[in-house]
C-alpha atoms as a PDB file:
ATOM      1  CA  MET A   1     -13.445  84.780 -37.871  1.00  0.00           C
ATOM      2  CA  GLY A   2     -15.962  82.098 -38.744  1.00  0.00           C
ATOM      3  CA  THR A   3     -18.976  80.872 -36.888  1.00  0.00           C
ATOM      4  CA  SER A   4     -18.713  77.703 -34.846  1.00  0.00           C
ATOM      5  CA  PHE A   5     -21.591  75.268 -34.652  1.00  0.00           C
ATOM      6  CA  ALA A   6     -22.182  76.070 -30.965  1.00  0.00           C
ATOM      7  CA  GLU A   7     -22.833  79.773 -31.445  1.00  0.00           C
ATOM      8  CA  SER A   8     -25.493  81.707 -33.245  1.00  0.00           C
ATOM      9  CA  HIS A   9     -23.364  84.627 -34.449  1.00  0.00           C
ATOM     10  CA  PRO A  10     -19.844  85.119 -35.817  1.00  0.00           C
ATOM     11  CA  ALA A  11     -17.237  84.859 -33.055  1.00  0.00           C
ATOM     12  CA  TRP A  12     -15.801  88.298 -33.816  1.00  0.00           C
ATOM     13  CA  TRP A  13     -19.090  89.947 -32.819  1.00  0.00           C
ATOM     14  CA  ARG A  14     -18.185  89.092 -29.219  1.00  0.00           C
ATOM     15  CA  TYR A  15     -16.031  92.202 -29.031  1.00  0.00           C
ATOM     16  CA  ALA A  16     -19.262  94.205 -28.679  1.00  0.00           C
ATOM     17  CA  SER A  17     -19.741  95.673 -25.248  1.00  0.00           C
ATOM     18  CA  PRO A  18     -21.604  93.324 -22.860  1.00  0.00           C
ATOM     19  CA  GLU A  19     -23.696  96.355 -21.835  1.00  0.00           C
ATOM     20  CA  ALA A  20     -24.725  97.168 -25.403  1.00  0.00           C
ATOM     21  CA  THR A  21     -28.253  98.536 -25.729  1.00  0.00           C
ATOM     22  CA  ALA A  22     -28.055  98.670 -29.525  1.00  0.00           C
ATOM     23  CA  LEU A  23     -26.274  96.778 -32.288  1.00  0.00           C
ATOM     24  CA  VAL A  24     -26.163  97.760 -35.945  1.00  0.00           C
ATOM     25  CA  GLY A  25     -24.869  95.460 -38.668  1.00  0.00           C
ATOM     26  CA  ILE A  26     -23.876  96.544 -42.150  1.00  0.00           C
ATOM     27  CA  GLN A  27     -22.975  94.202 -45.016  1.00  0.00           C
ATOM     28  CA  TRP A  28     -20.819  96.910 -46.546  1.00  0.00           C
ATOM     29  CA  GLU A  29     -19.673  94.724 -49.449  1.00  0.00           C
ATOM     30  CA  HIS A  30     -23.313  94.776 -50.633  1.00  0.00           C
ATOM     31  CA  LEU A  31     -24.307  98.292 -49.630  1.00  0.00           C
ATOM     32  CA  ARG A  32     -21.273 100.266 -50.811  1.00  0.00           C
ATOM     33  CA  SER A  33     -22.547 100.070 -54.410  1.00  0.00           C
ATOM     34  CA  SER A  34     -26.207 100.609 -53.504  1.00  0.00           C
ATOM     35  CA  PRO A  35     -28.276 103.820 -53.492  1.00  0.00           C
ATOM     36  CA  PHE A  36     -27.868 103.831 -49.687  1.00  0.00           C
ATOM     37  CA  ALA A  37     -24.057 103.968 -49.733  1.00  0.00           C
ATOM     38  CA  VAL A  38     -23.698 107.743 -49.416  1.00  0.00           C
ATOM     39  CA  ALA A  39     -26.166 107.991 -46.525  1.00  0.00           C
ATOM     40  CA  ILE A  40     -24.616 105.079 -44.607  1.00  0.00           C
ATOM     41  CA  SER A  41     -21.085 106.292 -45.266  1.00  0.00           C
ATOM     42  CA  GLY A  42     -22.107 109.712 -43.947  1.00  0.00           C
ATOM     43  CA  GLU A  43     -23.344 108.134 -40.716  1.00  0.00           C
ATOM     44  CA  LEU A  44     -20.011 106.354 -40.294  1.00  0.00           C
ATOM     45  CA  SER A  45     -17.494 109.020 -41.222  1.00  0.00           C
ATOM     46  CA  GLY A  46     -19.302 112.180 -42.235  1.00  0.00           C
ATOM     47  CA  GLU A  47     -19.129 115.504 -40.438  1.00  0.00           C
ATOM     48  CA  ASP A  48     -21.828 114.415 -37.968  1.00  0.00           C
ATOM     49  CA  GLY A  49     -20.970 110.717 -38.281  1.00  0.00           C
ATOM     50  CA  LEU A  50     -19.644 108.253 -35.759  1.00  0.00           C
ATOM     51  CA  GLY A  51     -16.009 109.204 -36.395  1.00  0.00           C
ATOM     52  CA  PHE A  52     -14.689 106.389 -38.584  1.00  0.00           C
ATOM     53  CA  PRO A  53     -11.237 107.380 -39.906  1.00  0.00           C
ATOM     54  CA  ASP A  54     -11.016 108.012 -43.639  1.00  0.00           C
ATOM     55  CA  LEU A  55      -8.947 104.928 -44.571  1.00  0.00           C
ATOM     56  CA  ASP A  56      -9.354 103.190 -47.929  1.00  0.00           C
ATOM     57  CA  CYS A  57      -9.084  99.740 -46.335  1.00  0.00           C
ATOM     58  CA  LEU A  58     -12.040 100.581 -44.042  1.00  0.00           C
ATOM     59  CA  LYS A  59     -14.054 101.712 -47.054  1.00  0.00           C
ATOM     60  CA  ASP A  60     -13.444  98.248 -48.507  1.00  0.00           C
ATOM     61  CA  ALA A  61     -14.569  96.340 -45.386  1.00  0.00           C
ATOM     62  CA  ARG A  62     -16.940  93.438 -45.956  1.00  0.00           C
ATOM     63  CA  GLN A  63     -19.034  93.783 -42.820  1.00  0.00           C
ATOM     64  CA  ILE A  64     -19.318  96.264 -39.951  1.00  0.00           C
ATOM     65  CA  VAL A  65     -21.021  95.742 -36.601  1.00  0.00           C
ATOM     66  CA  ILE A  66     -21.429  98.676 -34.208  1.00  0.00           C
ATOM     67  CA  SER A  67     -22.423  98.532 -30.541  1.00  0.00           C
ATOM     68  CA  SER A  68     -23.438 101.334 -28.186  1.00  0.00           C
ATOM     69  CA  PRO A  69     -23.807 103.217 -25.846  1.00  0.00           C
ATOM     70  CA  VAL A  70     -20.128 102.333 -25.365  1.00  0.00           C
ATOM     71  CA  LEU A  71     -19.328 103.020 -29.005  1.00  0.00           C
ATOM     72  CA  LEU A  72     -17.318 100.145 -30.400  1.00  0.00           C
ATOM     73  CA  ALA A  73     -17.303  99.121 -34.046  1.00  0.00           C
ATOM     74  CA  MET A  74     -15.920  95.914 -35.505  1.00  0.00           C
ATOM     75  CA  ALA A  75     -14.989  95.765 -39.175  1.00  0.00           C
ATOM     76  CA  ALA A  76     -14.250  92.547 -41.026  1.00  0.00           C
ATOM     77  CA  GLY A  77     -12.310  92.762 -44.269  1.00  0.00           C
ATOM     78  CA  ASP A  78      -8.767  92.743 -45.581  1.00  0.00           C
ATOM     79  CA  PHE A  79      -6.350  94.792 -43.480  1.00  0.00           C
ATOM     80  CA  PRO A  80      -2.843  93.617 -44.419  1.00  0.00           C
ATOM     81  CA  THR A  81      -0.159  94.959 -42.092  1.00  0.00           C
ATOM     82  CA  ALA A  82       1.842  97.075 -44.529  1.00  0.00           C
ATOM     83  CA  THR A  83      -1.185  98.595 -46.279  1.00  0.00           C
ATOM     84  CA  PHE A  84      -2.983  99.334 -43.013  1.00  0.00           C
ATOM     85  CA  ARG A  85       0.093 100.922 -41.411  1.00  0.00           C
ATOM     86  CA  GLU A  86       0.736 103.102 -44.457  1.00  0.00           C
ATOM     87  CA  GLN A  87      -2.856 104.365 -44.635  1.00  0.00           C
ATOM     88  CA  ALA A  88      -3.099 104.998 -40.885  1.00  0.00           C
ATOM     89  CA  ALA A  89       0.212 106.876 -40.760  1.00  0.00           C
ATOM     90  CA  LYS A  90      -0.821 109.069 -43.743  1.00  0.00           C
ATOM     91  CA  LYS A  91      -3.937 110.130 -41.803  1.00  0.00           C
ATOM     92  CA  GLY A  92      -1.859 111.082 -38.748  1.00  0.00           C
ATOM     93  CA  LEU A  93      -2.754 108.129 -36.532  1.00  0.00           C
ATOM     94  CA  LYS A  94       0.060 107.137 -34.166  1.00  0.00           C
ATOM     95  CA  ARG A  95       1.016 103.508 -33.581  1.00  0.00           C
ATOM     96  CA  ALA A  96       0.994 102.135 -30.031  1.00  0.00           C
ATOM     97  CA  LEU A  97       0.923  98.651 -28.548  1.00  0.00           C
ATOM     98  CA  TYR A  98      -1.506  97.444 -25.909  1.00  0.00           C
ATOM     99  CA  ARG A  99      -1.141  93.834 -24.759  1.00  0.00           C
ATOM    100  CA  ASP A 100       0.704  93.073 -28.013  1.00  0.00           C
ATOM    101  CA  ILE A 101      -2.186  94.489 -30.090  1.00  0.00           C
ATOM    102  CA  GLU A 102      -1.411  97.320 -32.486  1.00  0.00           C
ATOM    103  CA  ILE A 103      -3.585 100.363 -31.778  1.00  0.00           C
ATOM    104  CA  TRP A 104      -3.553 103.360 -34.055  1.00  0.00           C
ATOM    105  CA  VAL A 105      -4.453 106.386 -31.937  1.00  0.00           C
ATOM    106  CA  THR A 106      -6.208 109.265 -33.626  1.00  0.00           C
ATOM    107  CA  PRO A 107      -4.962 112.818 -33.192  1.00  0.00           C
ATOM    108  CA  GLY A 108      -8.517 114.196 -33.499  1.00  0.00           C
ATOM    109  CA  LYS A 109     -11.131 114.162 -30.774  1.00  0.00           C
ATOM    110  CA  ASN A 110     -13.927 113.486 -33.307  1.00  0.00           C
ATOM    111  CA  THR A 111     -12.229 110.504 -34.959  1.00  0.00           C
ATOM    112  CA  LEU A 112     -12.076 106.973 -33.573  1.00  0.00           C
ATOM    113  CA  SER A 113      -8.852 105.091 -32.918  1.00  0.00           C
ATOM    114  CA  ILE A 114      -8.316 101.623 -34.407  1.00  0.00           C
ATOM    115  CA  ALA A 115      -7.110  98.351 -32.897  1.00  0.00           C
ATOM    116  CA  ARG A 116      -5.803  96.009 -35.591  1.00  0.00           C
ATOM    117  CA  MET A 117      -6.728  92.591 -34.214  1.00  0.00           C
ATOM    118  CA  SER A 118      -5.682  90.619 -37.313  1.00  0.00           C
ATOM    119  CA  ASP A 119      -5.396  90.902 -41.087  1.00  0.00           C
ATOM    120  CA  GLN A 120      -9.190  90.365 -41.202  1.00  0.00           C
ATOM    121  CA  LEU A 121     -10.489  92.339 -38.201  1.00  0.00           C
ATOM    122  CA  VAL A 122     -10.165  95.834 -36.769  1.00  0.00           C
ATOM    123  CA  LEU A 123     -11.976  97.474 -33.865  1.00  0.00           C
ATOM    124  CA  LEU A 124     -12.832 101.171 -33.836  1.00  0.00           C
ATOM    125  CA  GLY A 125     -13.543 103.241 -30.742  1.00  0.00           C
ATOM    126  CA  LEU A 126     -12.159 105.590 -28.164  1.00  0.00           C
ATOM    127  CA  LEU A 127      -8.806 104.393 -26.829  1.00  0.00           C
ATOM    128  CA  LYS A 128     -10.224 103.309 -23.450  1.00  0.00           C
ATOM    129  CA  ASN A 129     -13.060 101.380 -25.129  1.00  0.00           C
ATOM    130  CA  LEU A 130     -10.560  99.589 -27.367  1.00  0.00           C
ATOM    131  CA  GLN A 131      -8.407  98.675 -24.371  1.00  0.00           C
ATOM    132  CA  ASP A 132     -11.473  97.385 -22.493  1.00  0.00           C
ATOM    133  CA  ALA A 133     -12.480  95.238 -25.503  1.00  0.00           C
ATOM    134  CA  ILE A 134      -8.971  93.796 -25.745  1.00  0.00           C
ATOM    135  CA  ASP A 135      -8.943  93.058 -22.010  1.00  0.00           C
ATOM    136  CA  ARG A 136     -12.314  91.284 -22.280  1.00  0.00           C
ATOM    137  CA  SER A 137     -11.058  89.195 -25.195  1.00  0.00           C
ATOM    138  CA  LEU A 138      -8.162  87.900 -23.100  1.00  0.00           C
ATOM    139  CA  ARG A 139     -10.372  86.665 -20.253  1.00  0.00           C
ATOM    140  CA  GLU A 140     -11.544  83.091 -20.090  1.00  0.00           C
ATOM    141  CA  GLU A 141     -14.747  82.776 -22.079  1.00  0.00           C
ATOM    142  CA  ALA A 142     -16.867  82.056 -18.985  1.00  0.00           C
ATOM    143  CA  ASN A 143     -15.747  85.382 -17.452  1.00  0.00           C
ATOM    144  CA  ARG A 144     -16.105  87.636 -20.504  1.00  0.00           C
ATOM    145  CA  GLY A 145     -19.766  88.525 -20.490  1.00  0.00           C
ATOM    146  CA  PHE A 146     -21.605  88.971 -23.772  1.00  0.00           C
ATOM    147  CA  SER A 147     -24.419  91.243 -24.827  1.00  0.00           C
ATOM    148  CA  PRO A 148     -27.771  89.449 -24.851  1.00  0.00           C
ATOM    149  CA  LEU A 149     -28.477  91.351 -28.081  1.00  0.00           C
ATOM    150  CA  LEU A 150     -25.996  89.156 -29.978  1.00  0.00           C
ATOM    151  CA  ALA A 151     -28.388  86.195 -30.113  1.00  0.00           C
ATOM    152  CA  ARG A 152     -31.205  88.426 -31.404  1.00  0.00           C
ATOM    153  CA  ALA A 153     -28.891  90.018 -33.954  1.00  0.00           C
ATOM    154  CA  ALA A 154     -27.823  86.613 -35.284  1.00  0.00           C
ATOM    155  CA  HIS A 155     -31.277  86.238 -36.875  1.00  0.00           C
ATOM    156  CA  TYR A 156     -30.431  89.177 -39.156  1.00  0.00           C
ATOM    157  CA  SER A 157     -26.789  88.374 -39.898  1.00  0.00           C
ATOM    158  CA  GLN A 158     -27.507  87.747 -43.600  1.00  0.00           C
ATOM    159  CA  ASP A 159     -29.415  91.015 -44.052  1.00  0.00           C
ATOM    160  CA  ASP A 160     -27.581  93.960 -45.581  1.00  0.00           C
ATOM    161  CA  LEU A 161     -28.518  96.371 -42.800  1.00  0.00           C
ATOM    162  CA  TRP A 162     -29.955  95.370 -39.447  1.00  0.00           C
ATOM    163  CA  VAL A 163     -30.643  97.023 -36.104  1.00  0.00           C
ATOM    164  CA  VAL A 164     -31.355  95.436 -32.729  1.00  0.00           C
ATOM    165  CA  ALA A 165     -32.048  97.694 -29.732  1.00  0.00           C
ATOM    166  CA  THR A 166     -33.407  97.256 -26.226  1.00  0.00           C
ATOM    167  CA  GLY A 167     -35.578 100.326 -26.727  1.00  0.00           C
ATOM    168  CA  LEU A 168     -36.333 103.326 -28.890  1.00  0.00           C
ATOM    169  CA  PRO A 169     -35.355 106.067 -29.125  1.00  0.00           C
ATOM    170  CA  ASP A 170     -31.693 105.029 -29.119  1.00  0.00           C
ATOM    171  CA  PRO A 171     -28.916 107.318 -30.430  1.00  0.00           C
ATOM    172  CA  LEU A 172     -27.197 104.601 -32.495  1.00  0.00           C
ATOM    173  CA  ALA A 173     -30.353 102.920 -33.799  1.00  0.00           C
ATOM    174  CA  ASP A 174     -31.860 106.308 -34.705  1.00  0.00           C
ATOM    175  CA  ARG A 175     -28.991 106.936 -37.140  1.00  0.00           C
ATOM    176  CA  PHE A 176     -29.956 103.933 -39.246  1.00  0.00           C
ATOM    177  CA  ILE A 177     -33.718 103.506 -38.899  1.00  0.00           C
ATOM    178  CA  PRO A 178     -36.133 106.262 -39.928  1.00  0.00           C
ATOM    179  CA  ILE A 179     -38.630 105.631 -37.155  1.00  0.00           C
ATOM    180  CA  ASP A 180     -39.603 108.329 -34.690  1.00  0.00           C
ATOM    181  CA  ALA A 181     -41.163 106.197 -31.973  1.00  0.00           C
ATOM    182  CA  GLU A 182     -40.882 105.001 -28.428  1.00  0.00           C
ATOM    183  CA  ALA A 183     -40.676 101.251 -27.970  1.00  0.00           C
ATOM    184  CA  GLN A 184     -39.500  98.702 -25.426  1.00  0.00           C
ATOM    185  CA  GLY A 185     -37.415  96.990 -28.070  1.00  0.00           C
ATOM    186  CA  PHE A 186     -36.690  96.980 -31.761  1.00  0.00           C
ATOM    187  CA  GLU A 187     -35.198  94.554 -34.227  1.00  0.00           C
ATOM    188  CA  GLY A 188     -35.269  94.388 -37.976  1.00  0.00           C
ATOM    189  CA  GLY A 189     -33.242  94.173 -41.105  1.00  0.00           C
ATOM    190  CA  VAL A 190     -33.360  94.853 -44.814  1.00  0.00           C
ATOM    191  CA  SER A 191     -31.675  93.366 -47.833  1.00  0.00           C
ATOM    192  CA  VAL A 192     -30.981  95.232 -51.063  1.00  0.00           C
ATOM    193  CA  GLN A 193     -29.817  92.245 -53.085  1.00  0.00           C
ATOM    194  CA  GLY A 194     -32.017  91.564 -56.068  1.00  0.00           C
ATOM    195  CA  GLY A 195     -33.551  95.046 -55.908  1.00  0.00           C
END
Protein backbone atom coordinates (compact mmCIF):
# COMPACT_ATOMS: atom_id res chain seq x y z
CA MET A 1 0.00 0.00 0.00
CA GLY A 2 2.95 2.34 0.36
CA THR A 3 4.86 4.28 -2.21
CA SER A 4 8.15 2.91 -3.47
CA PHE A 5 11.04 5.21 -4.25
CA ALA A 6 10.77 4.47 -7.99
CA GLU A 7 7.20 5.67 -8.39
CA SER A 8 5.55 9.01 -8.00
CA HIS A 9 2.20 7.84 -6.62
CA PRO A 10 0.97 5.16 -4.21
CA ALA A 11 1.10 1.70 -5.79
CA TRP A 12 -2.59 1.06 -5.15
CA TRP A 13 -3.54 3.90 -7.50
CA ARG A 14 -2.45 1.62 -10.36
CA TYR A 15 -5.84 -0.07 -10.29
CA ALA A 16 -7.22 3.00 -12.09
CA SER A 17 -8.19 2.33 -15.66
CA PRO A 18 -5.31 2.88 -18.12
CA GLU A 19 -7.81 4.77 -20.31
CA ALA A 20 -8.84 7.14 -17.52
CA THR A 21 -9.62 10.67 -18.70
CA ALA A 22 -10.22 11.92 -15.15
CA LEU A 23 -8.97 11.09 -11.67
CA VAL A 24 -10.37 12.47 -8.42
CA GLY A 25 -8.64 12.03 -5.08
CA ILE A 26 -10.26 12.54 -1.70
CA GLN A 27 -8.44 12.52 1.65
CA TRP A 28 -11.63 11.41 3.37
CA GLU A 29 -10.01 11.19 6.81
CA HIS A 30 -9.58 14.99 6.60
CA LEU A 31 -12.75 15.93 4.74
CA ARG A 32 -15.32 13.80 6.57
CA SER A 33 -15.32 16.30 9.47
CA SER A 34 -15.14 19.39 7.26
CA PRO A 35 -17.94 21.66 5.98
CA PHE A 36 -17.58 19.86 2.62
CA ALA A 37 -18.36 16.39 3.98
CA VAL A 38 -22.08 16.37 3.19
CA ALA A 39 -21.58 17.59 -0.39
CA ILE A 40 -18.77 15.11 -1.12
CA SER A 41 -20.63 12.25 0.53
CA GLY A 42 -23.66 13.09 -1.62
CA GLU A 43 -21.54 12.84 -4.76
CA LEU A 44 -20.31 9.41 -3.68
CA SER A 45 -23.44 7.74 -2.38
CA GLY A 46 -26.35 10.15 -2.61
CA GLU A 47 -29.43 9.69 -4.76
CA ASP A 48 -27.63 11.13 -7.80
CA GLY A 49 -24.19 10.04 -6.60
CA LEU A 50 -21.71 7.60 -8.04
CA GLY A 51 -23.33 4.60 -6.33
CA PHE A 52 -21.04 3.88 -3.38
CA PRO A 53 -22.73 1.30 -1.11
CA ASP A 54 -23.81 2.57 2.30
CA LEU A 55 -21.24 0.66 4.40
CA ASP A 56 -19.85 2.09 7.64
CA CYS A 57 -16.34 0.85 6.84
CA LEU A 58 -16.41 2.81 3.55
CA LYS A 59 -17.52 5.92 5.42
CA ASP A 60 -14.39 5.51 7.55
CA ALA A 61 -11.98 5.16 4.60
CA ARG A 62 -8.81 7.22 4.77
CA GLN A 63 -8.44 8.02 1.09
CA ILE A 64 -10.50 7.49 -2.07
CA VAL A 65 -9.33 7.75 -5.67
CA ILE A 66 -11.86 7.57 -8.50
CA SER A 67 -11.14 7.10 -12.21
CA SER A 68 -13.45 7.47 -15.20
CA PRO A 69 -14.96 7.15 -17.80
CA VAL A 70 -14.66 3.48 -16.80
CA LEU A 71 -15.88 4.19 -13.28
CA LEU A 72 -13.56 2.53 -10.80
CA ALA A 73 -12.97 3.76 -7.27
CA MET A 74 -10.22 2.66 -4.91
CA ALA A 75 -10.65 3.16 -1.17
CA ALA A 76 -7.83 2.80 1.33
CA GLY A 77 -8.73 2.25 4.96
CA ASP A 78 -9.45 -0.52 7.42
CA PHE A 79 -11.63 -3.30 6.00
CA PRO A 80 -11.17 -6.31 8.30
CA THR A 81 -12.67 -9.49 6.88
CA ALA A 82 -15.35 -10.19 9.48
CA THR A 83 -16.53 -6.57 9.77
CA PHE A 84 -16.58 -6.05 6.00
CA ARG A 85 -18.47 -9.30 5.35
CA GLU A 86 -21.06 -8.51 8.01
CA GLN A 87 -21.72 -4.99 6.70
CA ALA A 88 -21.87 -6.09 3.06
CA ALA A 89 -24.25 -8.97 3.80
CA LYS A 90 -26.56 -6.66 5.81
CA LYS A 91 -26.86 -4.39 2.75
CA GLY A 92 -27.80 -7.34 0.51
CA LEU A 93 -24.50 -7.68 -1.35
CA LYS A 94 -23.74 -11.27 -2.37
CA ARG A 95 -20.27 -12.78 -1.97
CA ALA A 96 -18.52 -14.24 -5.02
CA LEU A 97 -14.93 -15.13 -5.83
CA TYR A 98 -13.05 -14.01 -8.91
CA ARG A 99 -9.44 -15.19 -9.24
CA ASP A 100 -9.37 -15.76 -5.47
CA ILE A 101 -10.51 -12.16 -4.81
CA GLU A 102 -13.68 -11.66 -2.80
CA ILE A 103 -16.22 -9.58 -4.73
CA TRP A 104 -19.42 -8.41 -3.12
CA VAL A 105 -21.99 -8.03 -5.89
CA THR A 106 -24.71 -5.46 -5.43
CA PRO A 107 -28.35 -6.36 -5.99
CA GLY A 108 -29.14 -2.81 -7.19
CA LYS A 109 -28.36 -1.43 -10.61
CA ASN A 110 -27.52 2.01 -9.15
CA THR A 111 -25.07 0.73 -6.54
CA LEU A 112 -21.48 -0.33 -7.17
CA SER A 113 -20.10 -3.76 -6.32
CA ILE A 114 -16.96 -4.09 -4.19
CA ALA A 115 -13.79 -6.14 -4.61
CA ARG A 116 -12.02 -6.61 -1.27
CA MET A 117 -8.36 -6.66 -2.30
CA SER A 118 -6.95 -6.69 1.25
CA ASP A 119 -7.71 -5.51 4.78
CA GLN A 120 -6.56 -2.04 3.64
CA LEU A 121 -7.93 -1.74 0.09
CA VAL A 122 -11.25 -2.17 -1.70
CA LEU A 123 -12.22 -1.40 -5.28
CA LEU A 124 -15.70 -0.20 -6.23
CA GLY A 125 -17.26 -0.47 -9.67
CA LEU A 126 -19.50 -2.44 -11.95
CA LEU A 127 -18.73 -6.16 -11.80
CA LYS A 128 -17.05 -6.24 -15.23
CA ASN A 129 -14.88 -3.22 -14.36
CA LEU A 130 -13.80 -4.89 -11.12
CA GLN A 131 -12.92 -8.09 -12.97
CA ASP A 132 -10.93 -6.12 -15.56
CA ALA A 133 -9.00 -4.31 -12.79
CA ILE A 134 -8.21 -7.62 -11.09
CA ASP A 135 -7.06 -9.12 -14.40
CA ARG A 136 -4.80 -6.12 -15.04
CA SER A 137 -3.29 -6.43 -11.57
CA LEU A 138 -2.27 -10.02 -12.26
CA ARG A 139 -0.37 -9.19 -15.45
CA GLU A 140 3.35 -8.58 -15.42
CA GLU A 141 3.97 -4.93 -14.67
CA ALA A 142 5.38 -4.21 -18.14
CA ASN A 143 2.11 -5.44 -19.71
CA ARG A 144 -0.39 -3.71 -17.41
CA GLY A 145 -0.64 -0.24 -18.86
CA PHE A 146 -1.14 2.73 -16.56
CA SER A 147 -3.02 5.97 -16.96
CA PRO A 148 -0.70 8.86 -17.82
CA LEU A 149 -2.81 10.93 -15.41
CA LEU A 150 -1.29 9.11 -12.42
CA ALA A 151 1.99 11.02 -12.65
CA ARG A 152 0.13 14.35 -12.83
CA ALA A 153 -2.10 13.36 -9.93
CA ALA A 154 0.90 12.48 -7.76
CA HIS A 155 1.67 16.21 -7.45
CA TYR A 156 -1.61 16.62 -5.54
CA SER A 157 -1.52 13.45 -3.44
CA GLN A 158 -1.20 15.42 -0.18
CA ASP A 159 -4.14 17.72 -0.98
CA ASP A 160 -7.50 16.94 0.58
CA LEU A 161 -9.39 17.04 -2.71
CA TRP A 162 -7.79 17.00 -6.14
CA VAL A 163 -8.92 16.57 -9.73
CA VAL A 164 -6.86 15.78 -12.83
CA ALA A 165 -8.62 15.56 -16.21
CA THR A 166 -7.56 15.45 -19.84
CA GLY A 167 -10.26 17.99 -20.66
CA LEU A 168 -13.32 19.83 -19.43
CA PRO A 169 -16.20 19.33 -19.33
CA ASP A 170 -15.79 15.84 -17.87
CA PRO A 171 -18.65 14.04 -16.06
CA LEU A 172 -16.51 12.91 -13.10
CA ALA A 173 -14.48 16.11 -12.74
CA ASP A 174 -17.65 18.23 -13.00
CA ARG A 175 -19.02 16.57 -9.85
CA PHE A 176 -16.15 17.90 -7.75
CA ILE A 177 -15.07 21.18 -9.32
CA PRO A 178 -17.48 24.11 -9.69
CA ILE A 179 -16.13 25.30 -13.02
CA ASP A 180 -18.33 25.58 -16.08
CA ALA A 181 -15.67 25.76 -18.78
CA GLU A 182 -14.15 24.04 -21.74
CA ALA A 183 -10.46 23.25 -21.47
CA GLN A 184 -7.87 20.93 -22.97
CA GLY A 185 -6.84 19.80 -19.51
CA PHE A 186 -7.37 20.51 -15.86
CA GLU A 187 -5.52 19.78 -12.66
CA GLY A 188 -5.77 21.23 -9.20
CA GLY A 189 -6.26 20.50 -5.57
CA VAL A 190 -7.32 22.08 -2.31
CA SER A 191 -6.49 21.48 1.31
CA VAL A 192 -8.80 22.26 4.22
CA GLN A 193 -6.29 21.60 6.99
CA GLY A 194 -5.60 24.67 9.07
CA GLY A 195 -8.73 26.42 7.80
